[in-house]
């Protein structure tokens, strides 16, 4: 294989030119980095989240870099809002090829003190929202008849509990997300829609900055990770791009742990 042929092959495997991607939860943290990666790979990118102002501002940032981008907002706890937003994105670009679900939340309460309202809210955002985002996107992918890619951002907490923290709702919903995506993968395989999960350990984002600022907690966390650090948003973005690209066409129903080896040793 010549150098030129190798370059062509890499482009075929990892370029996303002409594809339309929606990143839900896409204007900050992990979602923002994934959106940048998708745009750099040639995709047209819609970013959506709770704040219309932030979504539009981030879309303008992508446009300034030469990408075709669109910003909109929605409430992930409302099925009607989810469907409206996904239809809006597909209508704006004329199609939808890739969904990256980077929406997630946690509200800590000790298991013995957990309230129904707190558990329901985390469930509505992390698991119920994921189901209906996936469904709304799949309807467009099925109608188009050209397959599609769905990538959900999970967590290493789908496999491991966390000592000393009130994570019952978070771990339950992230664990549920893994098996949900396996089921969606097998149901939608006849339509050539792949559904996969990227499951990182702690990632340097604003969401967990207060926890990482606790020196005792941080040192204990890192000491259990063989590679000796927590994840960066780019680590997660790289995995999401693999699942969104043609390179992963024969991979579905899988969970890729971006964890520095912690699940290999715990």
C-alpha atoms as a PDB file:
ATOM      1  CA  UNK A   1       0.000   0.000   0.000  1.00  0.00           C
ATOM      2  CA  UNK A   2       1.358   3.394  -0.955  1.00  0.00           C
ATOM      3  CA  UNK A   3       1.359   6.397   1.343  1.00  0.00           C
ATOM      4  CA  UNK A   4      -1.393   7.952  -0.740  1.00  0.00           C
ATOM      5  CA  UNK A   5      -3.480   4.779  -0.547  1.00  0.00           C
ATOM      6  CA  UNK A   6      -2.999   4.631   3.225  1.00  0.00           C
ATOM      7  CA  UNK A   7      -4.121   8.238   3.540  1.00  0.00           C
ATOM      8  CA  UNK A   8      -7.221   7.477   1.460  1.00  0.00           C
ATOM      9  CA  UNK A   9      -8.015   4.478   3.643  1.00  0.00           C
ATOM     10  CA  UNK A  10      -7.711   6.533   6.824  1.00  0.00           C
ATOM     11  CA  UNK A  11     -10.014   9.150   5.333  1.00  0.00           C
ATOM     12  CA  UNK A  12     -12.574   6.478   4.480  1.00  0.00           C
ATOM     13  CA  UNK A  13     -12.418   5.064   7.991  1.00  0.00           C
ATOM     14  CA  UNK A  14     -12.472   8.218  10.060  1.00  0.00           C
ATOM     15  CA  UNK A  15     -13.789  11.144   8.010  1.00  0.00           C
ATOM     16  CA  UNK A  16     -17.414  12.212   8.487  1.00  0.00           C
ATOM     17  CA  UNK A  17     -17.865  14.561   5.544  1.00  0.00           C
ATOM     18  CA  UNK A  18     -21.529  15.000   4.651  1.00  0.00           C
ATOM     19  CA  UNK A  19     -22.752  13.427   7.882  1.00  0.00           C
ATOM     20  CA  UNK A  20     -25.072  15.233  10.284  1.00  0.00           C
ATOM     21  CA  UNK A  21     -24.358  14.779  13.988  1.00  0.00           C
ATOM     22  CA  UNK A  22     -26.417  15.825  16.994  1.00  0.00           C
ATOM     23  CA  UNK A  23     -24.603  16.180  20.318  1.00  0.00           C
ATOM     24  CA  UNK A  24     -27.139  16.381  23.122  1.00  0.00           C
ATOM     25  CA  UNK A  25     -25.477  18.077  26.064  1.00  0.00           C
ATOM     26  CA  UNK A  26     -23.016  19.412  23.544  1.00  0.00           C
ATOM     27  CA  UNK A  27     -21.946  22.902  24.558  1.00  0.00           C
ATOM     28  CA  UNK A  28     -19.732  22.209  27.574  1.00  0.00           C
ATOM     29  CA  UNK A  29     -17.480  19.572  29.095  1.00  0.00           C
ATOM     30  CA  UNK A  30     -17.309  16.219  27.336  1.00  0.00           C
ATOM     31  CA  UNK A  31     -20.073  17.109  24.878  1.00  0.00           C
ATOM     32  CA  UNK A  32     -18.312  20.238  23.682  1.00  0.00           C
ATOM     33  CA  UNK A  33     -15.079  18.361  23.022  1.00  0.00           C
ATOM     34  CA  UNK A  34     -16.972  15.651  21.133  1.00  0.00           C
ATOM     35  CA  UNK A  35     -18.731  18.311  19.062  1.00  0.00           C
ATOM     36  CA  UNK A  36     -15.376  19.871  18.179  1.00  0.00           C
ATOM     37  CA  UNK A  37     -14.016  16.473  17.182  1.00  0.00           C
ATOM     38  CA  UNK A  38     -17.002  15.693  14.987  1.00  0.00           C
ATOM     39  CA  UNK A  39     -16.703  19.076  13.300  1.00  0.00           C
ATOM     40  CA  UNK A  40     -12.974  18.548  12.726  1.00  0.00           C
ATOM     41  CA  UNK A  41     -13.805  15.204  11.069  1.00  0.00           C
ATOM     42  CA  UNK A  42     -16.068  17.010   8.613  1.00  0.00           C
ATOM     43  CA  UNK A  43     -19.519  16.497  10.118  1.00  0.00           C
ATOM     44  CA  UNK A  44     -22.263  19.079  10.272  1.00  0.00           C
ATOM     45  CA  UNK A  45     -22.917  19.436  14.000  1.00  0.00           C
ATOM     46  CA  UNK A  46     -25.961  20.403  16.025  1.00  0.00           C
ATOM     47  CA  UNK A  47     -25.453  21.076  19.717  1.00  0.00           C
ATOM     48  CA  UNK A  48     -28.299  21.100  22.172  1.00  0.00           C
ATOM     49  CA  UNK A  49     -28.837  21.418  25.895  1.00  0.00           C
ATOM     50  CA  UNK A  50     -30.914  23.175  28.502  1.00  0.00           C
ATOM     51  CA  UNK A  51     -29.611  26.678  27.683  1.00  0.00           C
ATOM     52  CA  UNK A  52     -30.481  28.108  24.280  1.00  0.00           C
ATOM     53  CA  UNK A  53     -27.998  30.927  24.806  1.00  0.00           C
ATOM     54  CA  UNK A  54     -25.098  28.554  25.460  1.00  0.00           C
ATOM     55  CA  UNK A  55     -26.074  26.289  22.575  1.00  0.00           C
ATOM     56  CA  UNK A  56     -26.222  29.164  20.108  1.00  0.00           C
ATOM     57  CA  UNK A  57     -22.962  30.617  21.401  1.00  0.00           C
ATOM     58  CA  UNK A  58     -21.128  27.323  21.033  1.00  0.00           C
ATOM     59  CA  UNK A  59     -22.582  26.756  17.568  1.00  0.00           C
ATOM     60  CA  UNK A  60     -21.286  30.206  16.606  1.00  0.00           C
ATOM     61  CA  UNK A  61     -17.842  29.144  17.856  1.00  0.00           C
ATOM     62  CA  UNK A  62     -17.927  26.100  15.575  1.00  0.00           C
ATOM     63  CA  UNK A  63     -19.100  28.221  12.658  1.00  0.00           C
ATOM     64  CA  UNK A  64     -16.233  30.653  13.236  1.00  0.00           C
ATOM     65  CA  UNK A  65     -13.899  27.674  12.796  1.00  0.00           C
ATOM     66  CA  UNK A  66     -15.417  26.898   9.413  1.00  0.00           C
ATOM     67  CA  UNK A  67     -17.930  24.224  10.409  1.00  0.00           C
ATOM     68  CA  UNK A  68     -21.612  23.967   9.561  1.00  0.00           C
ATOM     69  CA  UNK A  69     -23.211  24.105  13.002  1.00  0.00           C
ATOM     70  CA  UNK A  70     -26.597  24.643  14.609  1.00  0.00           C
ATOM     71  CA  UNK A  71     -27.598  25.373  18.196  1.00  0.00           C
ATOM     72  CA  UNK A  72     -30.885  24.654  19.914  1.00  0.00           C
ATOM     73  CA  UNK A  73     -32.256  23.840  23.365  1.00  0.00           C
ATOM     74  CA  UNK A  74     -34.509  21.261  24.992  1.00  0.00           C
ATOM     75  CA  UNK A  75     -35.595  19.793  28.319  1.00  0.00           C
ATOM     76  CA  UNK A  76     -34.372  16.190  28.517  1.00  0.00           C
ATOM     77  CA  UNK A  77     -37.008  15.355  31.145  1.00  0.00           C
ATOM     78  CA  UNK A  78     -39.788  16.027  28.605  1.00  0.00           C
ATOM     79  CA  UNK A  79     -40.396  13.430  25.894  1.00  0.00           C
ATOM     80  CA  UNK A  80     -42.269  15.997  23.808  1.00  0.00           C
ATOM     81  CA  UNK A  81     -39.283  18.361  24.058  1.00  0.00           C
ATOM     82  CA  UNK A  82     -36.862  15.602  23.071  1.00  0.00           C
ATOM     83  CA  UNK A  83     -38.886  14.736  19.987  1.00  0.00           C
ATOM     84  CA  UNK A  84     -39.375  18.374  19.045  1.00  0.00           C
ATOM     85  CA  UNK A  85     -35.642  19.101  19.312  1.00  0.00           C
ATOM     86  CA  UNK A  86     -34.509  16.053  17.328  1.00  0.00           C
ATOM     87  CA  UNK A  87     -37.065  16.777  14.601  1.00  0.00           C
ATOM     88  CA  UNK A  88     -35.876  20.390  14.535  1.00  0.00           C
ATOM     89  CA  UNK A  89     -32.256  19.350  14.005  1.00  0.00           C
ATOM     90  CA  UNK A  90     -33.136  16.821  11.311  1.00  0.00           C
ATOM     91  CA  UNK A  91     -35.339  19.401   9.625  1.00  0.00           C
ATOM     92  CA  UNK A  92     -32.592  22.027   9.667  1.00  0.00           C
ATOM     93  CA  UNK A  93     -29.996  19.778   8.000  1.00  0.00           C
ATOM     94  CA  UNK A  94     -32.363  17.550   6.035  1.00  0.00           C
ATOM     95  CA  UNK A  95     -31.182  14.363   7.775  1.00  0.00           C
ATOM     96  CA  UNK A  96     -29.607  12.900  10.910  1.00  0.00           C
ATOM     97  CA  UNK A  97     -26.782  10.349  10.843  1.00  0.00           C
ATOM     98  CA  UNK A  98     -25.116  10.460  14.269  1.00  0.00           C
ATOM     99  CA  UNK A  99     -26.411  10.919  17.802  1.00  0.00           C
ATOM    100  CA  UNK A 100     -24.034  11.500  20.689  1.00  0.00           C
ATOM    101  CA  UNK A 101     -25.877  11.578  23.989  1.00  0.00           C
ATOM    102  CA  UNK A 102     -23.713  13.460  26.467  1.00  0.00           C
ATOM    103  CA  UNK A 103     -26.568  14.420  28.779  1.00  0.00           C
ATOM    104  CA  UNK A 104     -26.095  13.338  32.366  1.00  0.00           C
ATOM    105  CA  UNK A 105     -26.473  14.414  35.947  1.00  0.00           C
ATOM    106  CA  UNK A 106     -26.032  13.265  39.525  1.00  0.00           C
ATOM    107  CA  UNK A 107     -27.569  14.305  42.808  1.00  0.00           C
ATOM    108  CA  UNK A 108     -25.794  12.717  45.723  1.00  0.00           C
ATOM    109  CA  UNK A 109     -27.740  11.336  48.671  1.00  0.00           C
ATOM    110  CA  UNK A 110     -26.755   8.539  51.014  1.00  0.00           C
ATOM    111  CA  UNK A 111     -28.655   5.361  50.174  1.00  0.00           C
ATOM    112  CA  UNK A 112     -30.418   5.307  53.540  1.00  0.00           C
ATOM    113  CA  UNK A 113     -31.634   8.882  52.990  1.00  0.00           C
ATOM    114  CA  UNK A 114     -32.483   8.778  49.281  1.00  0.00           C
ATOM    115  CA  UNK A 115     -35.693  10.574  48.372  1.00  0.00           C
ATOM    116  CA  UNK A 116     -38.036   9.520  45.611  1.00  0.00           C
ATOM    117  CA  UNK A 117     -37.817  12.961  43.999  1.00  0.00           C
ATOM    118  CA  UNK A 118     -34.021  12.821  43.750  1.00  0.00           C
ATOM    119  CA  UNK A 119     -33.985   9.274  42.394  1.00  0.00           C
ATOM    120  CA  UNK A 120     -36.692  10.076  39.839  1.00  0.00           C
ATOM    121  CA  UNK A 121     -34.859  13.165  38.596  1.00  0.00           C
ATOM    122  CA  UNK A 122     -31.562  11.326  38.028  1.00  0.00           C
ATOM    123  CA  UNK A 123     -33.468   8.502  36.335  1.00  0.00           C
ATOM    124  CA  UNK A 124     -35.387  10.914  34.099  1.00  0.00           C
ATOM    125  CA  UNK A 125     -32.195  12.608  32.899  1.00  0.00           C
ATOM    126  CA  UNK A 126     -29.755   9.700  32.679  1.00  0.00           C
ATOM    127  CA  UNK A 127     -31.867   6.759  31.567  1.00  0.00           C
ATOM    128  CA  UNK A 128     -35.355   7.761  30.458  1.00  0.00           C
ATOM    129  CA  UNK A 129     -33.912  10.716  28.556  1.00  0.00           C
ATOM    130  CA  UNK A 130     -31.375   8.443  26.858  1.00  0.00           C
ATOM    131  CA  UNK A 131     -34.109   6.048  25.747  1.00  0.00           C
ATOM    132  CA  UNK A 132     -36.228   8.690  24.118  1.00  0.00           C
ATOM    133  CA  UNK A 133     -33.300  10.577  22.586  1.00  0.00           C
ATOM    134  CA  UNK A 134     -32.231   7.290  21.024  1.00  0.00           C
ATOM    135  CA  UNK A 135     -35.747   6.571  19.829  1.00  0.00           C
ATOM    136  CA  UNK A 136     -36.282  10.013  18.304  1.00  0.00           C
ATOM    137  CA  UNK A 137     -32.965   9.842  16.447  1.00  0.00           C
ATOM    138  CA  UNK A 138     -33.527   6.259  15.300  1.00  0.00           C
ATOM    139  CA  UNK A 139     -36.839   7.160  13.685  1.00  0.00           C
ATOM    140  CA  UNK A 140     -35.026   9.537  11.337  1.00  0.00           C
ATOM    141  CA  UNK A 141     -32.204   7.043  10.707  1.00  0.00           C
ATOM    142  CA  UNK A 142     -34.702   4.288   9.894  1.00  0.00           C
ATOM    143  CA  UNK A 143     -36.708   6.549   7.606  1.00  0.00           C
ATOM    144  CA  UNK A 144     -33.555   7.584   5.727  1.00  0.00           C
ATOM    145  CA  UNK A 145     -32.640   3.935   5.158  1.00  0.00           C
ATOM    146  CA  UNK A 146     -28.873   4.499   5.299  1.00  0.00           C
ATOM    147  CA  UNK A 147     -28.070   3.362   8.816  1.00  0.00           C
ATOM    148  CA  UNK A 148     -26.775   5.518  11.618  1.00  0.00           C
ATOM    149  CA  UNK A 149     -24.522   5.789  14.644  1.00  0.00           C
ATOM    150  CA  UNK A 150     -25.559   6.285  18.244  1.00  0.00           C
ATOM    151  CA  UNK A 151     -23.021   6.901  21.003  1.00  0.00           C
ATOM    152  CA  UNK A 152     -24.041   7.306  24.639  1.00  0.00           C
ATOM    153  CA  UNK A 153     -21.695   8.663  27.287  1.00  0.00           C
ATOM    154  CA  UNK A 154     -21.870   6.304  30.239  1.00  0.00           C
ATOM    155  CA  UNK A 155     -19.570   5.839  33.194  1.00  0.00           C
ATOM    156  CA  UNK A 156     -17.223   3.377  34.809  1.00  0.00           C
ATOM    157  CA  UNK A 157     -19.843   3.486  37.577  1.00  0.00           C
ATOM    158  CA  UNK A 158     -21.974   1.191  35.422  1.00  0.00           C
ATOM    159  CA  UNK A 159     -19.556  -1.511  36.575  1.00  0.00           C
ATOM    160  CA  UNK A 160     -18.072  -0.244  39.844  1.00  0.00           C
ATOM    161  CA  UNK A 161     -19.585   1.333  42.924  1.00  0.00           C
ATOM    162  CA  UNK A 162     -17.935   4.307  44.625  1.00  0.00           C
ATOM    163  CA  UNK A 163     -17.140   4.104  48.315  1.00  0.00           C
ATOM    164  CA  UNK A 164     -18.089   6.970  50.575  1.00  0.00           C
ATOM    165  CA  UNK A 165     -20.434   8.735  48.125  1.00  0.00           C
ATOM    166  CA  UNK A 166     -24.210   8.804  47.637  1.00  0.00           C
ATOM    167  CA  UNK A 167     -24.197   7.362  44.125  1.00  0.00           C
ATOM    168  CA  UNK A 168     -27.134   4.903  44.194  1.00  0.00           C
ATOM    169  CA  UNK A 169     -29.205   6.675  41.533  1.00  0.00           C
ATOM    170  CA  UNK A 170     -26.202   7.479  39.350  1.00  0.00           C
ATOM    171  CA  UNK A 171     -24.813   3.940  39.311  1.00  0.00           C
ATOM    172  CA  UNK A 172     -28.264   2.429  38.763  1.00  0.00           C
ATOM    173  CA  UNK A 173     -28.994   4.656  35.776  1.00  0.00           C
ATOM    174  CA  UNK A 174     -25.553   4.258  34.214  1.00  0.00           C
ATOM    175  CA  UNK A 175     -25.779   0.500  34.641  1.00  0.00           C
ATOM    176  CA  UNK A 176     -29.214   0.604  33.056  1.00  0.00           C
ATOM    177  CA  UNK A 177     -27.841   2.631  30.155  1.00  0.00           C
ATOM    178  CA  UNK A 178     -25.370  -0.135  29.278  1.00  0.00           C
ATOM    179  CA  UNK A 179     -28.014  -2.866  28.978  1.00  0.00           C
ATOM    180  CA  UNK A 180     -30.451  -0.474  27.302  1.00  0.00           C
ATOM    181  CA  UNK A 181     -27.908   0.202  24.580  1.00  0.00           C
ATOM    182  CA  UNK A 182     -27.297  -3.518  24.087  1.00  0.00           C
ATOM    183  CA  UNK A 183     -31.011  -4.013  23.540  1.00  0.00           C
ATOM    184  CA  UNK A 184     -31.293  -1.043  21.170  1.00  0.00           C
ATOM    185  CA  UNK A 185     -28.260  -2.352  19.282  1.00  0.00           C
ATOM    186  CA  UNK A 186     -29.877  -5.705  18.575  1.00  0.00           C
ATOM    187  CA  UNK A 187     -33.290  -4.224  17.774  1.00  0.00           C
ATOM    188  CA  UNK A 188     -31.904  -1.686  15.331  1.00  0.00           C
ATOM    189  CA  UNK A 189     -29.172  -3.834  13.771  1.00  0.00           C
ATOM    190  CA  UNK A 190     -31.482  -4.726  10.829  1.00  0.00           C
ATOM    191  CA  UNK A 191     -31.528  -0.997  10.040  1.00  0.00           C
ATOM    192  CA  UNK A 192     -27.698  -0.819  10.232  1.00  0.00           C
ATOM    193  CA  UNK A 193     -27.862   1.482  13.246  1.00  0.00           C
ATOM    194  CA  UNK A 194     -25.045   0.886  15.719  1.00  0.00           C
ATOM    195  CA  UNK A 195     -25.478   1.745  19.391  1.00  0.00           C
ATOM    196  CA  UNK A 196     -22.460   1.882  21.702  1.00  0.00           C
ATOM    197  CA  UNK A 197     -21.410   3.339  25.058  1.00  0.00           C
ATOM    198  CA  UNK A 198     -18.271   5.242  26.016  1.00  0.00           C
ATOM    199  CA  UNK A 199     -17.792   4.810  29.767  1.00  0.00           C
ATOM    200  CA  UNK A 200     -15.066   6.972  31.332  1.00  0.00           C
ATOM    201  CA  UNK A 201     -13.817   7.187  34.860  1.00  0.00           C
ATOM    202  CA  UNK A 202     -13.732  10.684  36.390  1.00  0.00           C
ATOM    203  CA  UNK A 203     -13.096  13.297  33.684  1.00  0.00           C
ATOM    204  CA  UNK A 204     -11.759  16.799  34.275  1.00  0.00           C
ATOM    205  CA  UNK A 205     -14.958  18.818  33.829  1.00  0.00           C
ATOM    206  CA  UNK A 206     -16.824  21.479  35.769  1.00  0.00           C
ATOM    207  CA  UNK A 207     -19.364  18.862  36.885  1.00  0.00           C
ATOM    208  CA  UNK A 208     -16.866  17.076  39.154  1.00  0.00           C
ATOM    209  CA  UNK A 209     -14.377  19.898  39.803  1.00  0.00           C
ATOM    210  CA  UNK A 210     -15.510  20.179  43.429  1.00  0.00           C
ATOM    211  CA  UNK A 211     -14.790  16.495  44.027  1.00  0.00           C
ATOM    212  CA  UNK A 212     -11.384  16.582  42.358  1.00  0.00           C
ATOM    213  CA  UNK A 213     -10.478  19.614  44.476  1.00  0.00           C
ATOM    214  CA  UNK A 214     -10.642  17.347  47.543  1.00  0.00           C
ATOM    215  CA  UNK A 215      -7.009  16.243  47.777  1.00  0.00           C
ATOM    216  CA  UNK A 216      -7.738  13.136  49.837  1.00  0.00           C
ATOM    217  CA  UNK A 217     -10.467  11.977  47.446  1.00  0.00           C
ATOM    218  CA  UNK A 218      -8.382  12.752  44.359  1.00  0.00           C
ATOM    219  CA  UNK A 219      -5.272  10.942  45.614  1.00  0.00           C
ATOM    220  CA  UNK A 220      -7.325   7.901  46.598  1.00  0.00           C
ATOM    221  CA  UNK A 221      -8.990   7.871  43.191  1.00  0.00           C
ATOM    222  CA  UNK A 222      -5.790   8.149  41.170  1.00  0.00           C
ATOM    223  CA  UNK A 223      -4.012   5.558  43.308  1.00  0.00           C
ATOM    224  CA  UNK A 224      -6.485   2.930  42.045  1.00  0.00           C
ATOM    225  CA  UNK A 225      -5.995   3.775  38.357  1.00  0.00           C
ATOM    226  CA  UNK A 226      -3.067   1.861  36.808  1.00  0.00           C
ATOM    227  CA  UNK A 227      -2.192   4.645  34.364  1.00  0.00           C
ATOM    228  CA  UNK A 228      -2.016   7.067  37.292  1.00  0.00           C
ATOM    229  CA  UNK A 229      -4.386   9.801  36.171  1.00  0.00           C
ATOM    230  CA  UNK A 230      -8.039  10.524  35.548  1.00  0.00           C
ATOM    231  CA  UNK A 231      -9.468  11.050  32.082  1.00  0.00           C
ATOM    232  CA  UNK A 232      -9.314  14.192  29.979  1.00  0.00           C
ATOM    233  CA  UNK A 233     -12.180  15.249  27.728  1.00  0.00           C
ATOM    234  CA  UNK A 234     -10.012  14.409  24.713  1.00  0.00           C
ATOM    235  CA  UNK A 235      -9.749  10.789  25.862  1.00  0.00           C
ATOM    236  CA  UNK A 236     -13.530  10.515  25.748  1.00  0.00           C
ATOM    237  CA  UNK A 237     -13.823  12.424  22.483  1.00  0.00           C
ATOM    238  CA  UNK A 238     -11.433  10.048  20.714  1.00  0.00           C
ATOM    239  CA  UNK A 239     -13.494   7.021  21.687  1.00  0.00           C
ATOM    240  CA  UNK A 240     -16.756   8.706  20.701  1.00  0.00           C
ATOM    241  CA  UNK A 241     -15.321   9.565  17.287  1.00  0.00           C
ATOM    242  CA  UNK A 242     -14.351   5.939  16.736  1.00  0.00           C
ATOM    243  CA  UNK A 243     -17.913   4.816  17.423  1.00  0.00           C
ATOM    244  CA  UNK A 244     -19.289   7.595  15.195  1.00  0.00           C
ATOM    245  CA  UNK A 245     -16.995   6.782  12.279  1.00  0.00           C
ATOM    246  CA  UNK A 246     -17.042   4.072   9.571  1.00  0.00           C
ATOM    247  CA  UNK A 247     -14.094   2.447  11.389  1.00  0.00           C
ATOM    248  CA  UNK A 248     -16.603   0.966  13.853  1.00  0.00           C
ATOM    249  CA  UNK A 249     -19.189  -0.237  11.334  1.00  0.00           C
ATOM    250  CA  UNK A 250     -19.050  -3.812  12.680  1.00  0.00           C
ATOM    251  CA  UNK A 251     -19.110  -2.800  16.353  1.00  0.00           C
ATOM    252  CA  UNK A 252     -22.431  -2.477  18.170  1.00  0.00           C
ATOM    253  CA  UNK A 253     -23.848  -3.060  21.631  1.00  0.00           C
ATOM    254  CA  UNK A 254     -20.442  -2.491  23.206  1.00  0.00           C
ATOM    255  CA  UNK A 255     -19.193  -0.488  26.184  1.00  0.00           C
ATOM    256  CA  UNK A 256     -15.695   0.948  25.951  1.00  0.00           C
ATOM    257  CA  UNK A 257     -14.269   1.818  29.352  1.00  0.00           C
ATOM    258  CA  UNK A 258     -12.019   4.894  29.220  1.00  0.00           C
ATOM    259  CA  UNK A 259     -10.604   4.284  32.651  1.00  0.00           C
ATOM    260  CA  UNK A 260      -6.817   4.019  32.670  1.00  0.00           C
ATOM    261  CA  UNK A 261      -7.131   0.334  33.520  1.00  0.00           C
ATOM    262  CA  UNK A 262      -9.231   0.576  36.679  1.00  0.00           C
ATOM    263  CA  UNK A 263     -11.762  -2.041  35.534  1.00  0.00           C
ATOM    264  CA  UNK A 264      -8.875  -4.389  34.705  1.00  0.00           C
ATOM    265  CA  UNK A 265      -7.676  -4.240  38.288  1.00  0.00           C
ATOM    266  CA  UNK A 266     -10.775  -3.776  40.454  1.00  0.00           C
END
